[in-house]
């Protein structure tokens, strides 16, 4: 047998040195050695692992940048969409539709309706009611001011005269068709106004704070087509909470 590191007569590569602990007892005096285990690695001089890829530990720490599996991400996104985004969008849409068609809140910027409604009170107006019944005298209405006033903020006043009514103000009283029109708690006026007949499609409106109200006794009649709805309730501040009792 040639020495380690030399080629044999057939040109085969030399056999590697077998670790001494694998040397077996000669069999029948032949001197052959016991072959190495099947999992022996010549490169590392140690048994090779059962798999070429060692399994990663199951409990990787969070600081190693553990990423949620795609399935979990999809479930989270579906939950957010189903239970958060869509319900919020629906609620917002319902609120907008409710304001546009049923009821809308308004803040009162002046004291023209004192003592019934205070300055900076917030009210809720019913936008549907006049689709089902006519406007009545005494209703507190929210309406867009006549175009010639060049104002964008809605007004809140009380209806005094309907189309065809004759309205007159004298001696601190409001007369409708020759009879006093009494509004409880409304302040008496110090001005006078000659009798006027309300034209068709128009309303005569006054603030309950008569001398401090910018209303029909100053600028004329309010078109019925400008009416937004009827003021129903003062809801803020809570200390002023009341139904307006139209």
C-alpha atoms as a PDB file:
ATOM      1  CA  UNK A   1       0.000   0.000   0.000  1.00  0.00           C
ATOM      2  CA  UNK A   2       1.452   3.425  -0.953  1.00  0.00           C
ATOM      3  CA  UNK A   3       2.076   6.019   1.713  1.00  0.00           C
ATOM      4  CA  UNK A   4      -0.445   8.745   2.429  1.00  0.00           C
ATOM      5  CA  UNK A   5      -0.294  11.570  -0.118  1.00  0.00           C
ATOM      6  CA  UNK A   6       1.113   9.439  -2.998  1.00  0.00           C
ATOM      7  CA  UNK A   7      -0.807   8.258  -6.063  1.00  0.00           C
ATOM      8  CA  UNK A   8      -1.220   4.500  -6.501  1.00  0.00           C
ATOM      9  CA  UNK A   9      -0.316   2.656  -9.622  1.00  0.00           C
ATOM     10  CA  UNK A  10      -3.804   3.110 -11.173  1.00  0.00           C
ATOM     11  CA  UNK A  11      -3.631   6.921 -10.860  1.00  0.00           C
ATOM     12  CA  UNK A  12      -6.431   7.039  -8.278  1.00  0.00           C
ATOM     13  CA  UNK A  13      -6.428   9.826  -5.736  1.00  0.00           C
ATOM     14  CA  UNK A  14      -4.814   8.875  -2.456  1.00  0.00           C
ATOM     15  CA  UNK A  15      -7.069   7.784   0.372  1.00  0.00           C
ATOM     16  CA  UNK A  16      -7.663  10.294   3.187  1.00  0.00           C
ATOM     17  CA  UNK A  17      -6.199   9.637   6.579  1.00  0.00           C
ATOM     18  CA  UNK A  18      -8.798   7.845   8.681  1.00  0.00           C
ATOM     19  CA  UNK A  19      -9.117   9.063  12.265  1.00  0.00           C
ATOM     20  CA  UNK A  20      -7.373   6.731  14.660  1.00  0.00           C
ATOM     21  CA  UNK A  21     -10.518   6.052  16.680  1.00  0.00           C
ATOM     22  CA  UNK A  22     -11.950   4.279  13.633  1.00  0.00           C
ATOM     23  CA  UNK A  23      -9.114   1.828  13.390  1.00  0.00           C
ATOM     24  CA  UNK A  24     -10.608  -1.580  13.756  1.00  0.00           C
ATOM     25  CA  UNK A  25      -9.115  -4.832  14.735  1.00  0.00           C
ATOM     26  CA  UNK A  26      -7.555  -6.747  11.868  1.00  0.00           C
ATOM     27  CA  UNK A  27     -10.016  -9.232  10.454  1.00  0.00           C
ATOM     28  CA  UNK A  28      -8.399 -12.556   9.927  1.00  0.00           C
ATOM     29  CA  UNK A  29      -5.013 -10.870  10.079  1.00  0.00           C
ATOM     30  CA  UNK A  30      -5.840  -8.786   6.995  1.00  0.00           C
ATOM     31  CA  UNK A  31      -5.152  -5.457   8.749  1.00  0.00           C
ATOM     32  CA  UNK A  32      -8.189  -3.708   7.147  1.00  0.00           C
ATOM     33  CA  UNK A  33      -9.758  -0.856   9.098  1.00  0.00           C
ATOM     34  CA  UNK A  34     -13.379  -0.354   9.976  1.00  0.00           C
ATOM     35  CA  UNK A  35     -15.053   2.113   7.510  1.00  0.00           C
ATOM     36  CA  UNK A  36     -16.180   5.539   8.917  1.00  0.00           C
ATOM     37  CA  UNK A  37     -19.801   6.247   9.861  1.00  0.00           C
ATOM     38  CA  UNK A  38     -22.139   7.289   7.020  1.00  0.00           C
ATOM     39  CA  UNK A  39     -22.572  10.791   8.404  1.00  0.00           C
ATOM     40  CA  UNK A  40     -18.909  11.601   8.748  1.00  0.00           C
ATOM     41  CA  UNK A  41     -17.802  14.912   7.225  1.00  0.00           C
ATOM     42  CA  UNK A  42     -14.246  14.957   6.002  1.00  0.00           C
ATOM     43  CA  UNK A  43     -14.213  18.771   5.840  1.00  0.00           C
ATOM     44  CA  UNK A  44     -15.073  19.431   9.466  1.00  0.00           C
ATOM     45  CA  UNK A  45     -13.846  16.252  11.145  1.00  0.00           C
ATOM     46  CA  UNK A  46     -17.220  15.901  12.858  1.00  0.00           C
ATOM     47  CA  UNK A  47     -20.539  14.243  12.101  1.00  0.00           C
ATOM     48  CA  UNK A  48     -22.614  16.277   9.630  1.00  0.00           C
ATOM     49  CA  UNK A  49     -26.151  17.387  10.618  1.00  0.00           C
ATOM     50  CA  UNK A  50     -29.093  15.307   9.513  1.00  0.00           C
ATOM     51  CA  UNK A  51     -30.187  18.172   7.216  1.00  0.00           C
ATOM     52  CA  UNK A  52     -28.017  20.601   5.330  1.00  0.00           C
ATOM     53  CA  UNK A  53     -30.239  23.417   6.647  1.00  0.00           C
ATOM     54  CA  UNK A  54     -30.418  23.641  10.408  1.00  0.00           C
ATOM     55  CA  UNK A  55     -33.875  24.477  11.678  1.00  0.00           C
ATOM     56  CA  UNK A  56     -34.279  28.002  13.097  1.00  0.00           C
ATOM     57  CA  UNK A  57     -35.330  28.179  16.732  1.00  0.00           C
ATOM     58  CA  UNK A  58     -39.084  28.467  17.185  1.00  0.00           C
ATOM     59  CA  UNK A  59     -38.862  31.304  19.687  1.00  0.00           C
ATOM     60  CA  UNK A  60     -36.968  33.955  17.739  1.00  0.00           C
ATOM     61  CA  UNK A  61     -36.780  37.151  19.811  1.00  0.00           C
ATOM     62  CA  UNK A  62     -38.706  40.213  18.584  1.00  0.00           C
ATOM     63  CA  UNK A  63     -35.498  42.242  18.174  1.00  0.00           C
ATOM     64  CA  UNK A  64     -34.479  40.002  15.260  1.00  0.00           C
ATOM     65  CA  UNK A  65     -37.151  41.760  13.154  1.00  0.00           C
ATOM     66  CA  UNK A  66     -39.842  39.115  13.189  1.00  0.00           C
ATOM     67  CA  UNK A  67     -42.359  39.877  10.431  1.00  0.00           C
ATOM     68  CA  UNK A  68     -46.011  38.879  10.612  1.00  0.00           C
ATOM     69  CA  UNK A  69     -46.884  36.208   8.078  1.00  0.00           C
ATOM     70  CA  UNK A  70     -48.852  37.401   5.025  1.00  0.00           C
ATOM     71  CA  UNK A  71     -51.988  35.608   6.212  1.00  0.00           C
ATOM     72  CA  UNK A  72     -52.037  37.528   9.490  1.00  0.00           C
ATOM     73  CA  UNK A  73     -51.545  40.840   7.661  1.00  0.00           C
ATOM     74  CA  UNK A  74     -54.485  40.101   5.378  1.00  0.00           C
ATOM     75  CA  UNK A  75     -56.708  39.226   8.341  1.00  0.00           C
ATOM     76  CA  UNK A  76     -55.736  42.473  10.108  1.00  0.00           C
ATOM     77  CA  UNK A  77     -56.433  44.557   6.993  1.00  0.00           C
ATOM     78  CA  UNK A  78     -59.808  42.833   6.528  1.00  0.00           C
ATOM     79  CA  UNK A  79     -60.730  43.487  10.171  1.00  0.00           C
ATOM     80  CA  UNK A  80     -59.775  47.180   9.918  1.00  0.00           C
ATOM     81  CA  UNK A  81     -61.816  47.584   6.751  1.00  0.00           C
ATOM     82  CA  UNK A  82     -64.863  45.658   7.982  1.00  0.00           C
ATOM     83  CA  UNK A  83     -65.063  46.822  11.605  1.00  0.00           C
ATOM     84  CA  UNK A  84     -63.569  50.317  11.499  1.00  0.00           C
ATOM     85  CA  UNK A  85     -63.266  52.023   8.132  1.00  0.00           C
ATOM     86  CA  UNK A  86     -66.607  50.994   6.609  1.00  0.00           C
ATOM     87  CA  UNK A  87     -68.685  51.655   9.795  1.00  0.00           C
ATOM     88  CA  UNK A  88     -67.113  55.117  10.185  1.00  0.00           C
ATOM     89  CA  UNK A  89     -67.742  55.957   6.546  1.00  0.00           C
ATOM     90  CA  UNK A  90     -71.367  54.807   6.803  1.00  0.00           C
ATOM     91  CA  UNK A  91     -71.907  56.793  10.022  1.00  0.00           C
ATOM     92  CA  UNK A  92     -70.428  59.914   8.420  1.00  0.00           C
ATOM     93  CA  UNK A  93     -72.622  59.465   5.347  1.00  0.00           C
ATOM     94  CA  UNK A  94     -75.741  58.996   7.475  1.00  0.00           C
ATOM     95  CA  UNK A  95     -74.905  62.120   9.514  1.00  0.00           C
ATOM     96  CA  UNK A  96     -74.416  64.187   6.349  1.00  0.00           C
ATOM     97  CA  UNK A  97     -77.638  62.861   4.833  1.00  0.00           C
ATOM     98  CA  UNK A  98     -79.487  63.536   8.096  1.00  0.00           C
ATOM     99  CA  UNK A  99     -78.280  67.145   8.132  1.00  0.00           C
ATOM    100  CA  UNK A 100     -79.066  67.661   4.458  1.00  0.00           C
ATOM    101  CA  UNK A 101     -82.582  66.244   4.545  1.00  0.00           C
ATOM    102  CA  UNK A 102     -83.926  65.923   8.095  1.00  0.00           C
ATOM    103  CA  UNK A 103     -82.396  68.241  10.686  1.00  0.00           C
ATOM    104  CA  UNK A 104     -79.507  70.655  10.787  1.00  0.00           C
ATOM    105  CA  UNK A 105     -77.845  72.450  13.712  1.00  0.00           C
ATOM    106  CA  UNK A 106     -77.293  76.209  13.722  1.00  0.00           C
ATOM    107  CA  UNK A 107     -75.560  78.620  16.032  1.00  0.00           C
ATOM    108  CA  UNK A 108     -77.373  81.892  16.702  1.00  0.00           C
ATOM    109  CA  UNK A 109     -74.863  84.748  16.177  1.00  0.00           C
ATOM    110  CA  UNK A 110     -76.982  87.632  17.494  1.00  0.00           C
ATOM    111  CA  UNK A 111     -79.464  88.497  20.227  1.00  0.00           C
ATOM    112  CA  UNK A 112     -82.345  89.229  17.839  1.00  0.00           C
ATOM    113  CA  UNK A 113     -84.462  86.389  19.291  1.00  0.00           C
ATOM    114  CA  UNK A 114     -83.878  87.184  22.987  1.00  0.00           C
ATOM    115  CA  UNK A 115     -85.447  86.122  25.318  1.00  0.00           C
ATOM    116  CA  UNK A 116     -86.598  83.018  23.408  1.00  0.00           C
ATOM    117  CA  UNK A 117     -83.157  82.184  22.021  1.00  0.00           C
ATOM    118  CA  UNK A 118     -79.976  83.632  23.479  1.00  0.00           C
ATOM    119  CA  UNK A 119     -76.963  84.797  21.539  1.00  0.00           C
ATOM    120  CA  UNK A 120     -74.589  81.862  20.735  1.00  0.00           C
ATOM    121  CA  UNK A 121     -77.248  79.269  21.541  1.00  0.00           C
ATOM    122  CA  UNK A 122     -77.312  76.240  19.259  1.00  0.00           C
ATOM    123  CA  UNK A 123     -80.584  75.100  17.776  1.00  0.00           C
ATOM    124  CA  UNK A 124     -81.787  72.193  15.663  1.00  0.00           C
ATOM    125  CA  UNK A 125     -83.987  72.924  12.648  1.00  0.00           C
ATOM    126  CA  UNK A 126     -86.469  70.466  11.152  1.00  0.00           C
ATOM    127  CA  UNK A 127     -85.944  70.539   7.383  1.00  0.00           C
ATOM    128  CA  UNK A 128     -88.811  68.187   6.501  1.00  0.00           C
ATOM    129  CA  UNK A 129     -91.813  69.625   8.275  1.00  0.00           C
ATOM    130  CA  UNK A 130     -92.839  72.094   5.575  1.00  0.00           C
ATOM    131  CA  UNK A 131     -92.994  69.288   3.050  1.00  0.00           C
ATOM    132  CA  UNK A 132     -95.993  67.992   5.022  1.00  0.00           C
ATOM    133  CA  UNK A 133     -97.725  71.099   6.312  1.00  0.00           C
ATOM    134  CA  UNK A 134     -97.933  74.830   5.661  1.00  0.00           C
ATOM    135  CA  UNK A 135     -96.059  77.523   7.550  1.00  0.00           C
ATOM    136  CA  UNK A 136     -98.070  78.902  10.466  1.00  0.00           C
ATOM    137  CA  UNK A 137     -98.024  82.273  12.178  1.00  0.00           C
ATOM    138  CA  UNK A 138     -95.811  82.083  15.238  1.00  0.00           C
ATOM    139  CA  UNK A 139     -93.415  79.487  13.749  1.00  0.00           C
ATOM    140  CA  UNK A 140     -89.736  80.190  14.411  1.00  0.00           C
ATOM    141  CA  UNK A 141     -88.107  79.578  11.060  1.00  0.00           C
ATOM    142  CA  UNK A 142     -84.596  79.328   9.650  1.00  0.00           C
ATOM    143  CA  UNK A 143     -84.288  80.891   6.199  1.00  0.00           C
ATOM    144  CA  UNK A 144     -81.812  82.319   3.767  1.00  0.00           C
ATOM    145  CA  UNK A 145     -82.004  86.127   3.711  1.00  0.00           C
ATOM    146  CA  UNK A 146     -83.332  87.882   0.601  1.00  0.00           C
ATOM    147  CA  UNK A 147     -80.763  88.167  -2.176  1.00  0.00           C
ATOM    148  CA  UNK A 148     -80.637  91.971  -2.033  1.00  0.00           C
ATOM    149  CA  UNK A 149     -79.235  91.798   1.526  1.00  0.00           C
ATOM    150  CA  UNK A 150     -76.077  90.091   0.198  1.00  0.00           C
ATOM    151  CA  UNK A 151     -75.721  87.893   3.269  1.00  0.00           C
ATOM    152  CA  UNK A 152     -74.897  84.199   3.340  1.00  0.00           C
ATOM    153  CA  UNK A 153     -75.675  83.390   6.982  1.00  0.00           C
ATOM    154  CA  UNK A 154     -79.212  82.050   7.528  1.00  0.00           C
ATOM    155  CA  UNK A 155     -81.586  84.135   9.647  1.00  0.00           C
ATOM    156  CA  UNK A 156     -83.785  82.891  12.500  1.00  0.00           C
ATOM    157  CA  UNK A 157     -87.023  84.854  12.980  1.00  0.00           C
ATOM    158  CA  UNK A 158     -90.652  84.384  13.945  1.00  0.00           C
ATOM    159  CA  UNK A 159     -93.373  84.346  11.322  1.00  0.00           C
ATOM    160  CA  UNK A 160     -95.879  87.149  11.925  1.00  0.00           C
ATOM    161  CA  UNK A 161     -97.683  87.592   8.625  1.00  0.00           C
ATOM    162  CA  UNK A 162     -98.602  85.083   5.910  1.00  0.00           C
ATOM    163  CA  UNK A 163     -99.380  85.908   2.273  1.00  0.00           C
ATOM    164  CA  UNK A 164    -102.450  88.166   2.146  1.00  0.00           C
ATOM    165  CA  UNK A 165    -102.181  89.255   5.814  1.00  0.00           C
ATOM    166  CA  UNK A 166    -102.092  92.920   6.724  1.00  0.00           C
ATOM    167  CA  UNK A 167     -99.453  93.724   9.334  1.00  0.00           C
ATOM    168  CA  UNK A 168     -99.228  96.958  11.319  1.00  0.00           C
ATOM    169  CA  UNK A 169     -97.109  97.980  14.329  1.00  0.00           C
ATOM    170  CA  UNK A 170     -98.236 100.811  16.616  1.00  0.00           C
ATOM    171  CA  UNK A 171     -98.305 101.679  20.318  1.00  0.00           C
ATOM    172  CA  UNK A 172     -95.863  98.855  21.022  1.00  0.00           C
ATOM    173  CA  UNK A 173     -98.196  96.202  19.584  1.00  0.00           C
ATOM    174  CA  UNK A 174     -98.074  94.061  16.476  1.00  0.00           C
ATOM    175  CA  UNK A 175    -101.437  93.889  14.690  1.00  0.00           C
ATOM    176  CA  UNK A 176    -102.266  91.217  12.134  1.00  0.00           C
ATOM    177  CA  UNK A 177    -105.437  91.871  10.161  1.00  0.00           C
ATOM    178  CA  UNK A 178    -106.339  94.499  12.741  1.00  0.00           C
ATOM    179  CA  UNK A 179    -105.953  92.209  15.783  1.00  0.00           C
ATOM    180  CA  UNK A 180    -103.088  92.056  18.278  1.00  0.00           C
ATOM    181  CA  UNK A 181    -100.725  89.182  17.601  1.00  0.00           C
ATOM    182  CA  UNK A 182     -99.303  88.260  20.975  1.00  0.00           C
ATOM    183  CA  UNK A 183     -96.060  86.309  21.357  1.00  0.00           C
ATOM    184  CA  UNK A 184     -95.414  85.375  25.004  1.00  0.00           C
ATOM    185  CA  UNK A 185     -92.123  86.809  26.291  1.00  0.00           C
ATOM    186  CA  UNK A 186     -91.516  88.847  23.129  1.00  0.00           C
ATOM    187  CA  UNK A 187     -90.287  92.324  23.926  1.00  0.00           C
ATOM    188  CA  UNK A 188     -92.480  95.258  23.004  1.00  0.00           C
ATOM    189  CA  UNK A 189     -91.368  97.583  20.279  1.00  0.00           C
ATOM    190  CA  UNK A 190     -90.752 101.303  20.416  1.00  0.00           C
ATOM    191  CA  UNK A 191     -91.155 101.822  16.670  1.00  0.00           C
ATOM    192  CA  UNK A 192     -94.211 102.069  14.470  1.00  0.00           C
ATOM    193  CA  UNK A 193     -94.886 100.674  11.007  1.00  0.00           C
ATOM    194  CA  UNK A 194     -97.830 101.516   8.785  1.00  0.00           C
ATOM    195  CA  UNK A 195    -100.099  98.705   7.636  1.00  0.00           C
ATOM    196  CA  UNK A 196     -98.670  96.564   4.829  1.00  0.00           C
ATOM    197  CA  UNK A 197    -100.147  93.608   3.022  1.00  0.00           C
ATOM    198  CA  UNK A 198     -97.876  90.596   2.656  1.00  0.00           C
ATOM    199  CA  UNK A 199     -97.476  89.667  -1.031  1.00  0.00           C
ATOM    200  CA  UNK A 200     -98.041  86.161  -2.344  1.00  0.00           C
ATOM    201  CA  UNK A 201     -95.099  83.815  -1.819  1.00  0.00           C
ATOM    202  CA  UNK A 202     -93.710  86.056   0.940  1.00  0.00           C
ATOM    203  CA  UNK A 203     -93.631  86.189   4.756  1.00  0.00           C
ATOM    204  CA  UNK A 204     -93.459  89.001   7.293  1.00  0.00           C
ATOM    205  CA  UNK A 205     -91.000  88.009  10.050  1.00  0.00           C
ATOM    206  CA  UNK A 206     -89.826  89.667  13.253  1.00  0.00           C
ATOM    207  CA  UNK A 207     -87.305  88.862  15.968  1.00  0.00           C
ATOM    208  CA  UNK A 208     -88.647  88.482  19.508  1.00  0.00           C
ATOM    209  CA  UNK A 209     -86.165  91.150  20.593  1.00  0.00           C
ATOM    210  CA  UNK A 210     -88.117  93.625  18.501  1.00  0.00           C
ATOM    211  CA  UNK A 211     -86.031  96.783  18.755  1.00  0.00           C
ATOM    212  CA  UNK A 212     -82.738  94.921  18.298  1.00  0.00           C
ATOM    213  CA  UNK A 213     -83.730  92.681  15.396  1.00  0.00           C
ATOM    214  CA  UNK A 214     -82.794  93.119  11.746  1.00  0.00           C
ATOM    215  CA  UNK A 215     -86.033  91.848  10.212  1.00  0.00           C
ATOM    216  CA  UNK A 216     -89.004  92.607   7.972  1.00  0.00           C
ATOM    217  CA  UNK A 217     -89.705  96.002   9.532  1.00  0.00           C
ATOM    218  CA  UNK A 218     -86.325  97.083   8.116  1.00  0.00           C
ATOM    219  CA  UNK A 219     -85.720  95.168   4.897  1.00  0.00           C
ATOM    220  CA  UNK A 220     -89.153  93.910   3.829  1.00  0.00           C
ATOM    221  CA  UNK A 221     -90.531  90.442   3.195  1.00  0.00           C
ATOM    222  CA  UNK A 222     -88.878  87.023   3.227  1.00  0.00           C
ATOM    223  CA  UNK A 223     -89.510  84.687   0.263  1.00  0.00           C
ATOM    224  CA  UNK A 224     -91.162  81.425   1.273  1.00  0.00           C
ATOM    225  CA  UNK A 225     -88.822  79.669  -1.155  1.00  0.00           C
ATOM    226  CA  UNK A 226     -85.899  80.728   1.078  1.00  0.00           C
ATOM    227  CA  UNK A 227     -87.228  78.862   4.124  1.00  0.00           C
ATOM    228  CA  UNK A 228     -84.893  76.036   5.234  1.00  0.00           C
ATOM    229  CA  UNK A 229     -86.948  74.639   8.100  1.00  0.00           C
ATOM    230  CA  UNK A 230     -88.535  75.206  11.463  1.00  0.00           C
ATOM    231  CA  UNK A 231     -86.442  75.714  14.597  1.00  0.00           C
ATOM    232  CA  UNK A 232     -87.466  72.978  17.029  1.00  0.00           C
ATOM    233  CA  UNK A 233     -85.128  72.906  20.010  1.00  0.00           C
ATOM    234  CA  UNK A 234     -82.373  74.795  21.736  1.00  0.00           C
ATOM    235  CA  UNK A 235     -79.922  72.036  22.598  1.00  0.00           C
ATOM    236  CA  UNK A 236     -76.813  73.928  23.717  1.00  0.00           C
ATOM    237  CA  UNK A 237     -75.810  75.046  26.246  1.00  0.00           C
ATOM    238  CA  UNK A 238     -77.620  72.459  28.311  1.00  0.00           C
ATOM    239  CA  UNK A 239     -78.730  75.125  30.765  1.00  0.00           C
ATOM    240  CA  UNK A 240     -80.796  76.657  27.895  1.00  0.00           C
ATOM    241  CA  UNK A 241     -82.266  73.332  26.744  1.00  0.00           C
ATOM    242  CA  UNK A 242     -85.868  73.839  25.597  1.00  0.00           C
ATOM    243  CA  UNK A 243     -88.365  72.969  22.898  1.00  0.00           C
ATOM    244  CA  UNK A 244     -89.438  76.096  21.076  1.00  0.00           C
ATOM    245  CA  UNK A 245     -93.110  75.125  21.094  1.00  0.00           C
ATOM    246  CA  UNK A 246     -94.030  76.360  17.646  1.00  0.00           C
END
